[in-house]
Amino acid sequence: MPVYNKAQSCAVSIQSCLDQSFTEFELIIVNDGSTDHSLDVIRRFDDHRVHIIDQPNTGVSSARNRGIKCARYEWIAFLDADDRWESTYLENVSAMIAEFKEASMFGTAYKIDFGDHYKFPDFKLPEGYRAYLDDYFKIALRHTLFFTSAVVINKSVFNTIEYFDPTLKMGEDLDLWFRIALNFRVAFNNNTLLSYNRVSENNSSIHKKDITFSLLSVIIRKNASVYKTNYDFRYFVNDFVLKDIFILKTEFINERSILLAVLKDVMPDNLFHFLIKCFLVVYFKINNKKAFRFFI
C-alpha cells in the first residue's frame, strides 16, 4: 500500500485489509514522504502483519516497486490508501489462484464510491464470470478490466518483465497490465469485491481516459515485436490511440508533435488504414454524426 498524504483515508483502507476472512498475509505500507500525519495514523495499527516502510517521496510507482521487492509471499495484492476491500476479497482471490493455476495475474470487479452513491461499471462480461482471459485484448476494446486495488500478481512475473515504470506519471498501472497480459495468462472474477474511492482528490490509480499520448507510444515501443505479430494487441493499441486523440481529447488534435510521435510508431503496413480511420472519426465527430468502427 503506497501512502502519500492520506491521513484522512488510509485508516479505513488499512482496516479493510486487516478485516479479511483470509488471514495469512502481510501488509506492507510504504509511506512515500507524506507531509501530513499519515505516518502517525499508520503507526496506530498494532498488528504483527503490518510492516511500515518510511521513505522520501519518490512517486507511486517507486513506492509500489519497493513494496513488491520487500514482500515475502508469492502473490502480491495492491491496495491504494483510499480504497476498501470487501472482507472476502483475499479469500476469493485465493480460491481463484487454486482454480486457475496457470494464471499469473488476477483481477476482480469493483464499484466506484462517489460519496453519496455508488456506480457499478459494466465490464462487458456475464454476471458471475470467473475464467481465464485468453482473448484479453479483444475484451479490452470494451473495458480494460484490471484496476490497481483489485489486482493480484505472482511475484515471479517480475523476473521476466519490468516493475511499474517510474518514468510514467500517468497510466503506469495500465502499462504493467498490458505487458503482463502479453506474456502470461490472466484471469478475472466479475464479482464486486472492492470499493474504489473517487471522492479523494489524488487517488493514485487512474481511469483509462486519463492515459497520456506519450504512454501510447511507450506501449508500442516496449512491445514492438509483439505489436508486429499479435493482431489483437495491434488492433487494441490503434483503437486506443484513436479514442484518446480524437474522441476523449479532441481539444488536443492540434498537438502536432504528439500526433506525429504516435503515428511514427504505427507500423507502415497498417498506416494507410489507420489514417483513413482517423479521417472518418474526425469527420463524423465534426458533423455530429454517429461514430462507427472502421476495422484496421
C-alpha atoms as a PDB file:
ATOM      1  CA  MET A   1       0.000   0.000   0.000  1.00  0.00           C
ATOM      2  CA  PRO A   2       1.620   3.271  -1.117  1.00  0.00           C
ATOM      3  CA  VAL A   3       0.687   6.227   1.079  1.00  0.00           C
ATOM      4  CA  TYR A   4       1.209   9.890   0.288  1.00  0.00           C
ATOM      5  CA  ASN A   5      -0.740  12.418   2.361  1.00  0.00           C
ATOM      6  CA  LYS A   6      -3.644  10.076   3.042  1.00  0.00           C
ATOM      7  CA  ALA A   7      -4.190  10.789   6.723  1.00  0.00           C
ATOM      8  CA  GLN A   8      -7.921  11.224   6.154  1.00  0.00           C
ATOM      9  CA  SER A   9      -8.494   7.942   4.350  1.00  0.00           C
ATOM     10  CA  CYS A  10      -5.702   5.421   4.921  1.00  0.00           C
ATOM     11  CA  ALA A  11      -7.079   4.098   8.234  1.00  0.00           C
ATOM     12  CA  VAL A  12     -10.232   2.798   6.536  1.00  0.00           C
ATOM     13  CA  SER A  13      -8.186   1.162   3.788  1.00  0.00           C
ATOM     14  CA  ILE A  14      -5.808  -0.471   6.268  1.00  0.00           C
ATOM     15  CA  GLN A  15      -8.696  -1.754   8.387  1.00  0.00           C
ATOM     16  CA  SER A  16     -10.380  -3.261   5.328  1.00  0.00           C
ATOM     17  CA  CYS A  17      -7.214  -5.279   4.784  1.00  0.00           C
ATOM     18  CA  LEU A  18      -6.869  -6.396   8.397  1.00  0.00           C
ATOM     19  CA  ASP A  19     -10.548  -7.451   8.476  1.00  0.00           C
ATOM     20  CA  GLN A  20     -10.090 -10.046   5.716  1.00  0.00           C
ATOM     21  CA  SER A  21     -11.564 -13.511   6.257  1.00  0.00           C
ATOM     22  CA  PHE A  22      -8.325 -14.864   4.758  1.00  0.00           C
ATOM     23  CA  THR A  23      -5.698 -14.062   7.369  1.00  0.00           C
ATOM     24  CA  GLU A  24      -2.358 -15.398   6.130  1.00  0.00           C
ATOM     25  CA  PHE A  25      -0.807 -12.252   4.663  1.00  0.00           C
ATOM     26  CA  GLU A  26       1.489  -9.330   5.396  1.00  0.00           C
ATOM     27  CA  LEU A  27       0.519  -5.714   4.825  1.00  0.00           C
ATOM     28  CA  ILE A  28       3.452  -3.655   3.577  1.00  0.00           C
ATOM     29  CA  ILE A  29       2.740   0.063   3.820  1.00  0.00           C
ATOM     30  CA  VAL A  30       5.161   2.398   2.052  1.00  0.00           C
ATOM     31  CA  ASN A  31       4.878   5.930   3.404  1.00  0.00           C
ATOM     32  CA  ASP A  32       6.141   7.863   0.403  1.00  0.00           C
ATOM     33  CA  GLY A  33       7.303  11.069   2.065  1.00  0.00           C
ATOM     34  CA  SER A  34       3.916  12.177   3.396  1.00  0.00           C
ATOM     35  CA  THR A  35       3.891  15.725   4.758  1.00  0.00           C
ATOM     36  CA  ASP A  36       0.665  15.325   6.745  1.00  0.00           C
ATOM     37  CA  HIS A  37       0.226  12.961   9.716  1.00  0.00           C
ATOM     38  CA  SER A  38      -0.314   9.823   7.594  1.00  0.00           C
ATOM     39  CA  LEU A  39       2.607   8.071   9.298  1.00  0.00           C
ATOM     40  CA  ASP A  40       1.099   8.697  12.744  1.00  0.00           C
ATOM     41  CA  VAL A  41      -2.197   7.177  11.591  1.00  0.00           C
ATOM     42  CA  ILE A  42      -0.417   4.128  10.187  1.00  0.00           C
ATOM     43  CA  ARG A  43       1.590   3.556  13.372  1.00  0.00           C
ATOM     44  CA  ARG A  44      -1.597   3.304  15.443  1.00  0.00           C
ATOM     45  CA  PHE A  45      -2.277  -0.142  13.995  1.00  0.00           C
ATOM     46  CA  ASP A  46      -0.855  -2.725  16.373  1.00  0.00           C
ATOM     47  CA  ASP A  47      -0.876  -5.829  14.212  1.00  0.00           C
ATOM     48  CA  HIS A  48       2.091  -8.116  13.570  1.00  0.00           C
ATOM     49  CA  ARG A  49       1.085  -8.374   9.902  1.00  0.00           C
ATOM     50  CA  VAL A  50       1.677  -4.659   9.322  1.00  0.00           C
ATOM     51  CA  HIS A  51       5.137  -3.674   8.088  1.00  0.00           C
ATOM     52  CA  ILE A  52       5.907   0.011   7.584  1.00  0.00           C
ATOM     53  CA  ILE A  53       8.497   1.428   5.205  1.00  0.00           C
ATOM     54  CA  ASP A  54       9.172   5.154   5.558  1.00  0.00           C
ATOM     55  CA  GLN A  55      10.981   6.781   2.642  1.00  0.00           C
ATOM     56  CA  PRO A  56      11.422  10.163   0.925  1.00  0.00           C
ATOM     57  CA  ASN A  57       8.870  10.916  -1.781  1.00  0.00           C
ATOM     58  CA  THR A  58       9.754   9.068  -4.987  1.00  0.00           C
ATOM     59  CA  GLY A  59       6.325   8.622  -6.578  1.00  0.00           C
ATOM     60  CA  VAL A  60       3.655   5.938  -6.503  1.00  0.00           C
ATOM     61  CA  SER A  61       5.398   3.567  -8.931  1.00  0.00           C
ATOM     62  CA  SER A  62       8.647   3.538  -6.977  1.00  0.00           C
ATOM     63  CA  ALA A  63       6.712   3.075  -3.733  1.00  0.00           C
ATOM     64  CA  ARG A  64       4.820   0.089  -5.137  1.00  0.00           C
ATOM     65  CA  ASN A  65       8.017  -1.378  -6.559  1.00  0.00           C
ATOM     66  CA  ARG A  66       9.745  -1.182  -3.199  1.00  0.00           C
ATOM     67  CA  GLY A  67       6.803  -2.919  -1.557  1.00  0.00           C
ATOM     68  CA  ILE A  68       6.926  -5.702  -4.156  1.00  0.00           C
ATOM     69  CA  LYS A  69      10.645  -6.252  -3.628  1.00  0.00           C
ATOM     70  CA  CYS A  70      10.223  -6.423   0.155  1.00  0.00           C
ATOM     71  CA  ALA A  71       7.293  -8.873   0.014  1.00  0.00           C
ATOM     72  CA  ARG A  72       7.881 -12.340   1.491  1.00  0.00           C
ATOM     73  CA  TYR A  73       4.866 -14.065  -0.055  1.00  0.00           C
ATOM     74  CA  GLU A  74       4.421 -15.450  -3.563  1.00  0.00           C
ATOM     75  CA  TRP A  75       1.406 -13.338  -4.503  1.00  0.00           C
ATOM     76  CA  ILE A  76       1.230  -9.535  -4.431  1.00  0.00           C
ATOM     77  CA  ALA A  77      -2.083  -7.736  -3.898  1.00  0.00           C
ATOM     78  CA  PHE A  78      -2.288  -3.968  -4.317  1.00  0.00           C
ATOM     79  CA  LEU A  79      -4.467  -1.583  -2.341  1.00  0.00           C
ATOM     80  CA  ASP A  80      -4.418   2.208  -2.618  1.00  0.00           C
ATOM     81  CA  ALA A  81      -4.800   4.205   0.567  1.00  0.00           C
ATOM     82  CA  ASP A  82      -8.267   5.439  -0.473  1.00  0.00           C
ATOM     83  CA  ASP A  83      -9.930   2.170  -1.389  1.00  0.00           C
ATOM     84  CA  ARG A  84     -11.609  -0.634   0.586  1.00  0.00           C
ATOM     85  CA  TRP A  85     -11.611  -4.366   0.049  1.00  0.00           C
ATOM     86  CA  GLU A  86     -14.714  -6.378   0.856  1.00  0.00           C
ATOM     87  CA  SER A  87     -13.962  -8.748   3.754  1.00  0.00           C
ATOM     88  CA  THR A  88     -13.882 -11.774   1.406  1.00  0.00           C
ATOM     89  CA  TYR A  89     -11.599 -10.212  -1.222  1.00  0.00           C
ATOM     90  CA  LEU A  90      -8.456 -12.224  -0.418  1.00  0.00           C
ATOM     91  CA  GLU A  91     -10.500 -15.365   0.196  1.00  0.00           C
ATOM     92  CA  ASN A  92     -11.989 -15.094  -3.295  1.00  0.00           C
ATOM     93  CA  VAL A  93      -8.613 -14.391  -4.868  1.00  0.00           C
ATOM     94  CA  SER A  94      -7.069 -17.345  -3.030  1.00  0.00           C
ATOM     95  CA  ALA A  95      -9.785 -19.600  -4.459  1.00  0.00           C
ATOM     96  CA  MET A  96      -9.092 -18.227  -7.941  1.00  0.00           C
ATOM     97  CA  ILE A  97      -5.382 -18.942  -7.556  1.00  0.00           C
ATOM     98  CA  ALA A  98      -6.146 -22.548  -6.624  1.00  0.00           C
ATOM     99  CA  GLU A  99      -8.596 -22.975  -9.504  1.00  0.00           C
ATOM    100  CA  PHE A 100      -6.732 -21.200 -12.302  1.00  0.00           C
ATOM    101  CA  LYS A 101      -3.227 -22.461 -11.687  1.00  0.00           C
ATOM    102  CA  GLU A 102      -1.761 -21.163 -14.952  1.00  0.00           C
ATOM    103  CA  ALA A 103      -2.747 -17.546 -14.348  1.00  0.00           C
ATOM    104  CA  SER A 104      -0.122 -15.069 -13.173  1.00  0.00           C
ATOM    105  CA  MET A 105      -2.461 -12.102 -12.683  1.00  0.00           C
ATOM    106  CA  PHE A 106      -5.994 -11.932 -11.301  1.00  0.00           C
ATOM    107  CA  GLY A 107      -8.494  -9.109 -11.253  1.00  0.00           C
ATOM    108  CA  THR A 108     -11.948  -8.598  -9.774  1.00  0.00           C
ATOM    109  CA  ALA A 109     -14.866  -6.277 -10.393  1.00  0.00           C
ATOM    110  CA  TYR A 110     -15.222  -3.140  -8.293  1.00  0.00           C
ATOM    111  CA  LYS A 111     -17.711  -0.420  -7.522  1.00  0.00           C
ATOM    112  CA  ILE A 112     -16.962   3.320  -7.601  1.00  0.00           C
ATOM    113  CA  ASP A 113     -17.714   5.328  -4.459  1.00  0.00           C
ATOM    114  CA  PHE A 114     -18.738   8.916  -5.239  1.00  0.00           C
ATOM    115  CA  GLY A 115     -19.549   9.700  -1.612  1.00  0.00           C
ATOM    116  CA  ASP A 116     -23.312   9.960  -1.975  1.00  0.00           C
ATOM    117  CA  HIS A 117     -23.777   6.999  -4.338  1.00  0.00           C
ATOM    118  CA  TYR A 118     -22.055   4.010  -5.919  1.00  0.00           C
ATOM    119  CA  LYS A 119     -21.573   3.263  -9.592  1.00  0.00           C
ATOM    120  CA  PHE A 120     -21.108  -0.300 -10.815  1.00  0.00           C
ATOM    121  CA  PRO A 121     -19.068  -0.345 -14.055  1.00  0.00           C
ATOM    122  CA  ASP A 122     -20.224  -2.563 -16.891  1.00  0.00           C
ATOM    123  CA  PHE A 123     -17.274  -4.868 -17.522  1.00  0.00           C
ATOM    124  CA  LYS A 124     -18.992  -6.360 -20.581  1.00  0.00           C
ATOM    125  CA  LEU A 125     -18.785  -9.843 -19.050  1.00  0.00           C
ATOM    126  CA  PRO A 126     -21.527 -12.246 -17.915  1.00  0.00           C
ATOM    127  CA  GLU A 127     -22.667 -11.937 -14.308  1.00  0.00           C
ATOM    128  CA  GLY A 128     -20.573 -14.186 -12.074  1.00  0.00           C
ATOM    129  CA  TYR A 129     -17.881 -14.648 -14.740  1.00  0.00           C
ATOM    130  CA  ARG A 130     -14.750 -16.401 -13.366  1.00  0.00           C
ATOM    131  CA  ALA A 131     -12.312 -17.551 -16.031  1.00  0.00           C
ATOM    132  CA  TYR A 132      -9.093 -17.070 -17.947  1.00  0.00           C
ATOM    133  CA  LEU A 133      -8.911 -14.093 -20.312  1.00  0.00           C
ATOM    134  CA  ASP A 134      -7.041 -15.637 -23.213  1.00  0.00           C
ATOM    135  CA  ASP A 135      -8.565 -13.064 -25.570  1.00  0.00           C
ATOM    136  CA  TYR A 136      -7.828 -10.171 -23.219  1.00  0.00           C
ATOM    137  CA  PHE A 137      -7.081  -7.529 -25.852  1.00  0.00           C
ATOM    138  CA  LYS A 138     -10.377  -8.223 -27.638  1.00  0.00           C
ATOM    139  CA  ILE A 139     -12.193  -7.712 -24.347  1.00  0.00           C
ATOM    140  CA  ALA A 140     -10.055  -4.658 -23.546  1.00  0.00           C
ATOM    141  CA  LEU A 141     -11.534  -2.875 -26.563  1.00  0.00           C
ATOM    142  CA  ARG A 142     -14.729  -2.682 -24.483  1.00  0.00           C
ATOM    143  CA  HIS A 143     -13.174  -2.410 -20.996  1.00  0.00           C
ATOM    144  CA  THR A 144      -9.588  -2.795 -19.747  1.00  0.00           C
ATOM    145  CA  LEU A 145     -10.972  -4.597 -16.649  1.00  0.00           C
ATOM    146  CA  PHE A 146      -7.953  -4.516 -14.344  1.00  0.00           C
ATOM    147  CA  PHE A 147      -7.776  -1.871 -11.632  1.00  0.00           C
ATOM    148  CA  THR A 148      -4.850  -1.430  -9.245  1.00  0.00           C
ATOM    149  CA  SER A 149      -6.634  -2.058  -5.948  1.00  0.00           C
ATOM    150  CA  ALA A 150      -8.361  -5.114  -7.414  1.00  0.00           C
ATOM    151  CA  VAL A 151      -5.322  -6.842  -8.930  1.00  0.00           C
ATOM    152  CA  VAL A 152      -3.147  -9.678  -7.611  1.00  0.00           C
ATOM    153  CA  ILE A 153       0.113 -10.655  -9.345  1.00  0.00           C
ATOM    154  CA  ASN A 154       2.516 -13.546  -8.883  1.00  0.00           C
ATOM    155  CA  LYS A 155       5.839 -12.109  -7.741  1.00  0.00           C
ATOM    156  CA  SER A 156       7.748 -14.308 -10.205  1.00  0.00           C
ATOM    157  CA  VAL A 157       6.285 -12.209 -13.034  1.00  0.00           C
ATOM    158  CA  PHE A 158       8.869  -9.555 -12.217  1.00  0.00           C
ATOM    159  CA  ASN A 159      11.682 -11.956 -13.018  1.00  0.00           C
ATOM    160  CA  THR A 160      10.555 -11.666 -16.651  1.00  0.00           C
ATOM    161  CA  ILE A 161       9.183  -8.151 -17.070  1.00  0.00           C
ATOM    162  CA  GLU A 162       9.956  -4.786 -15.528  1.00  0.00           C
ATOM    163  CA  TYR A 163       8.156  -3.426 -12.483  1.00  0.00           C
ATOM    164  CA  PHE A 164       5.877  -0.362 -12.544  1.00  0.00           C
ATOM    165  CA  ASP A 165       7.564   2.205 -14.762  1.00  0.00           C
ATOM    166  CA  PRO A 166       8.557   5.168 -12.523  1.00  0.00           C
ATOM    167  CA  THR A 167       9.116   7.397 -15.559  1.00  0.00           C
ATOM    168  CA  LEU A 168       5.378   7.376 -16.291  1.00  0.00           C
ATOM    169  CA  LYS A 169       3.365   9.925 -14.357  1.00  0.00           C
ATOM    170  CA  MET A 170       0.043   8.620 -15.641  1.00  0.00           C
ATOM    171  CA  GLY A 171      -1.105   5.209 -16.800  1.00  0.00           C
ATOM    172  CA  GLU A 172       1.703   3.264 -15.131  1.00  0.00           C
ATOM    173  CA  ASP A 173      -0.833   0.675 -13.994  1.00  0.00           C
ATOM    174  CA  LEU A 174      -2.277   0.070 -17.476  1.00  0.00           C
ATOM    175  CA  ASP A 175       1.236  -0.153 -18.888  1.00  0.00           C
ATOM    176  CA  LEU A 176       2.022  -3.004 -16.470  1.00  0.00           C
ATOM    177  CA  TRP A 177      -1.283  -4.862 -17.019  1.00  0.00           C
ATOM    178  CA  PHE A 178      -0.741  -4.815 -20.782  1.00  0.00           C
ATOM    179  CA  ARG A 179       2.811  -6.139 -20.505  1.00  0.00           C
ATOM    180  CA  ILE A 180       1.687  -8.938 -18.192  1.00  0.00           C
ATOM    181  CA  ALA A 181      -1.242  -9.881 -20.443  1.00  0.00           C
ATOM    182  CA  LEU A 182       1.152 -10.120 -23.391  1.00  0.00           C
ATOM    183  CA  ASN A 183       3.467 -12.529 -21.571  1.00  0.00           C
ATOM    184  CA  PHE A 184       1.306 -14.516 -19.127  1.00  0.00           C
ATOM    185  CA  ARG A 185      -2.170 -15.949 -18.738  1.00  0.00           C
ATOM    186  CA  VAL A 186      -4.535 -13.758 -16.732  1.00  0.00           C
ATOM    187  CA  ALA A 187      -7.942 -14.360 -15.145  1.00  0.00           C
ATOM    188  CA  PHE A 188     -10.860 -12.255 -13.940  1.00  0.00           C
ATOM    189  CA  ASN A 189     -13.638 -12.561 -11.363  1.00  0.00           C
ATOM    190  CA  ASN A 190     -16.698 -10.448 -12.214  1.00  0.00           C
ATOM    191  CA  ASN A 191     -17.881 -10.261  -8.609  1.00  0.00           C
ATOM    192  CA  THR A 192     -17.657  -6.858  -6.921  1.00  0.00           C
ATOM    193  CA  LEU A 193     -15.028  -7.114  -4.177  1.00  0.00           C
ATOM    194  CA  LEU A 194     -13.581  -3.593  -3.993  1.00  0.00           C
ATOM    195  CA  SER A 195     -14.864  -0.095  -3.357  1.00  0.00           C
ATOM    196  CA  TYR A 196     -12.857   2.434  -5.377  1.00  0.00           C
ATOM    197  CA  ASN A 197     -12.917   5.874  -3.744  1.00  0.00           C
ATOM    198  CA  ARG A 198     -13.467   8.685  -6.259  1.00  0.00           C
ATOM    199  CA  VAL A 199     -14.067  11.255  -3.523  1.00  0.00           C
ATOM    200  CA  SER A 200     -10.354  11.574  -2.751  1.00  0.00           C
ATOM    201  CA  GLU A 201      -8.624  14.187  -4.881  1.00  0.00           C
ATOM    202  CA  ASN A 202      -5.332  12.413  -5.557  1.00  0.00           C
ATOM    203  CA  ASN A 203      -6.154   8.732  -5.838  1.00  0.00           C
ATOM    204  CA  SER A 204      -3.017   7.062  -7.216  1.00  0.00           C
ATOM    205  CA  SER A 205      -4.892   4.914  -9.756  1.00  0.00           C
ATOM    206  CA  ILE A 206      -6.404   6.416 -12.892  1.00  0.00           C
ATOM    207  CA  HIS A 207      -9.081   5.665 -15.423  1.00  0.00           C
ATOM    208  CA  LYS A 208      -8.368   4.588 -18.985  1.00  0.00           C
ATOM    209  CA  LYS A 209      -9.385   8.047 -20.267  1.00  0.00           C
ATOM    210  CA  ASP A 210      -6.536   9.705 -18.373  1.00  0.00           C
ATOM    211  CA  ILE A 211      -3.775   7.857 -20.187  1.00  0.00           C
ATOM    212  CA  THR A 212      -1.407  10.241 -21.988  1.00  0.00           C
ATOM    213  CA  PHE A 213      -0.429  10.214 -25.647  1.00  0.00           C
ATOM    214  CA  SER A 214       3.174   9.519 -24.706  1.00  0.00           C
ATOM    215  CA  LEU A 215       2.169   6.317 -22.904  1.00  0.00           C
ATOM    216  CA  LEU A 216       0.544   5.020 -26.085  1.00  0.00           C
ATOM    217  CA  SER A 217       3.860   5.442 -27.832  1.00  0.00           C
ATOM    218  CA  VAL A 218       5.675   3.776 -24.922  1.00  0.00           C
ATOM    219  CA  ILE A 219       3.325   0.777 -25.057  1.00  0.00           C
ATOM    220  CA  ILE A 220       4.186   0.180 -28.704  1.00  0.00           C
ATOM    221  CA  ARG A 221       7.943   0.652 -28.245  1.00  0.00           C
ATOM    222  CA  LYS A 222       8.133  -1.713 -25.248  1.00  0.00           C
ATOM    223  CA  ASN A 223       6.282  -4.395 -27.183  1.00  0.00           C
ATOM    224  CA  ALA A 224       7.398  -3.643 -30.730  1.00  0.00           C
ATOM    225  CA  SER A 225       7.943  -7.259 -31.774  1.00  0.00           C
ATOM    226  CA  VAL A 226       4.589  -8.359 -30.351  1.00  0.00           C
ATOM    227  CA  TYR A 227       2.902  -5.362 -31.945  1.00  0.00           C
ATOM    228  CA  LYS A 228       4.035  -6.594 -35.346  1.00  0.00           C
ATOM    229  CA  THR A 229       2.802 -10.163 -34.880  1.00  0.00           C
ATOM    230  CA  ASN A 230      -0.133 -10.011 -32.446  1.00  0.00           C
ATOM    231  CA  TYR A 231      -3.179  -8.743 -34.340  1.00  0.00           C
ATOM    232  CA  ASP A 232      -5.416  -8.372 -31.263  1.00  0.00           C
ATOM    233  CA  PHE A 233      -2.810  -6.272 -29.470  1.00  0.00           C
ATOM    234  CA  ARG A 234      -2.108  -4.141 -32.556  1.00  0.00           C
ATOM    235  CA  TYR A 235      -5.817  -3.516 -33.134  1.00  0.00           C
ATOM    236  CA  PHE A 236      -6.306  -2.651 -29.460  1.00  0.00           C
ATOM    237  CA  VAL A 237      -3.426  -0.155 -29.408  1.00  0.00           C
ATOM    238  CA  ASN A 238      -4.545   1.539 -32.620  1.00  0.00           C
ATOM    239  CA  ASP A 239      -8.128   1.744 -31.385  1.00  0.00           C
ATOM    240  CA  PHE A 240      -6.840   3.120 -28.078  1.00  0.00           C
ATOM    241  CA  VAL A 241      -4.837   5.784 -29.948  1.00  0.00           C
ATOM    242  CA  LEU A 242      -7.898   6.921 -31.869  1.00  0.00           C
ATOM    243  CA  LYS A 243     -10.120   7.111 -28.818  1.00  0.00           C
ATOM    244  CA  ASP A 244      -7.521   9.028 -26.839  1.00  0.00           C
ATOM    245  CA  ILE A 245      -6.665  11.562 -29.538  1.00  0.00           C
ATOM    246  CA  PHE A 246      -9.874  12.025 -31.485  1.00  0.00           C
ATOM    247  CA  ILE A 247     -12.679  11.162 -29.100  1.00  0.00           C
ATOM    248  CA  LEU A 248     -11.619  11.640 -25.490  1.00  0.00           C
ATOM    249  CA  LYS A 249      -9.193  14.508 -26.017  1.00  0.00           C
ATOM    250  CA  THR A 250     -10.407  16.228 -29.181  1.00  0.00           C
ATOM    251  CA  GLU A 251      -9.161  19.565 -27.881  1.00  0.00           C
ATOM    252  CA  PHE A 252      -5.585  18.341 -28.394  1.00  0.00           C
ATOM    253  CA  ILE A 253      -5.922  17.402 -32.083  1.00  0.00           C
ATOM    254  CA  ASN A 254      -3.618  20.307 -32.936  1.00  0.00           C
ATOM    255  CA  GLU A 255      -0.815  18.901 -30.779  1.00  0.00           C
ATOM    256  CA  ARG A 256       1.149  18.080 -33.930  1.00  0.00           C
ATOM    257  CA  SER A 257       4.291  16.772 -32.222  1.00  0.00           C
ATOM    258  CA  ILE A 258       2.353  14.287 -30.098  1.00  0.00           C
ATOM    259  CA  LEU A 259       0.248  13.073 -33.003  1.00  0.00           C
ATOM    260  CA  LEU A 260       3.325  12.550 -35.203  1.00  0.00           C
ATOM    261  CA  ALA A 261       5.084  10.657 -32.410  1.00  0.00           C
ATOM    262  CA  VAL A 262       2.179   8.226 -32.171  1.00  0.00           C
ATOM    263  CA  LEU A 263       1.835   7.837 -35.938  1.00  0.00           C
ATOM    264  CA  LYS A 264       5.562   7.160 -36.212  1.00  0.00           C
ATOM    265  CA  ASP A 265       5.074   4.081 -34.023  1.00  0.00           C
ATOM    266  CA  VAL A 266       2.261   2.682 -36.187  1.00  0.00           C
ATOM    267  CA  MET A 267       3.771   0.089 -38.485  1.00  0.00           C
ATOM    268  CA  PRO A 268       3.916   1.037 -42.214  1.00  0.00           C
ATOM    269  CA  ASP A 269       1.718  -1.882 -43.303  1.00  0.00           C
ATOM    270  CA  ASN A 270      -1.034  -0.543 -41.067  1.00  0.00           C
ATOM    271  CA  LEU A 271      -0.561   3.191 -41.549  1.00  0.00           C
ATOM    272  CA  PHE A 272      -2.866   3.664 -44.546  1.00  0.00           C
ATOM    273  CA  HIS A 273      -5.921   2.143 -42.875  1.00  0.00           C
ATOM    274  CA  PHE A 274      -5.053   3.903 -39.642  1.00  0.00           C
ATOM    275  CA  LEU A 275      -5.061   7.303 -41.359  1.00  0.00           C
ATOM    276  CA  ILE A 276      -8.365   6.510 -43.092  1.00  0.00           C
ATOM    277  CA  LYS A 277      -9.875   5.694 -39.710  1.00  0.00           C
ATOM    278  CA  CYS A 278      -8.511   8.947 -38.273  1.00  0.00           C
ATOM    279  CA  PHE A 279     -10.167  10.898 -41.079  1.00  0.00           C
ATOM    280  CA  LEU A 280     -13.511   9.134 -40.670  1.00  0.00           C
ATOM    281  CA  VAL A 281     -13.630   9.568 -36.906  1.00  0.00           C
ATOM    282  CA  VAL A 282     -12.816  13.280 -37.125  1.00  0.00           C
ATOM    283  CA  TYR A 283     -15.284  13.786 -39.994  1.00  0.00           C
ATOM    284  CA  PHE A 284     -18.158  12.137 -38.155  1.00  0.00           C
ATOM    285  CA  LYS A 285     -17.341  13.924 -34.912  1.00  0.00           C
ATOM    286  CA  ILE A 286     -17.215  17.345 -36.587  1.00  0.00           C
ATOM    287  CA  ASN A 287     -20.516  16.650 -38.349  1.00  0.00           C
ATOM    288  CA  ASN A 288     -22.126  15.335 -35.160  1.00  0.00           C
ATOM    289  CA  LYS A 289     -22.909  12.014 -36.766  1.00  0.00           C
ATOM    290  CA  LYS A 290     -22.939   8.672 -35.062  1.00  0.00           C
ATOM    291  CA  ALA A 291     -19.428   7.206 -34.867  1.00  0.00           C
ATOM    292  CA  PHE A 292     -18.759   3.739 -36.172  1.00  0.00           C
ATOM    293  CA  ARG A 293     -15.824   1.314 -36.220  1.00  0.00           C
ATOM    294  CA  PHE A 294     -13.801   1.023 -39.407  1.00  0.00           C
ATOM    295  CA  PHE A 295     -11.727  -2.110 -38.984  1.00  0.00           C
ATOM    296  CA  ILE A 296      -7.971  -1.759 -39.310  1.00  0.00           C
END
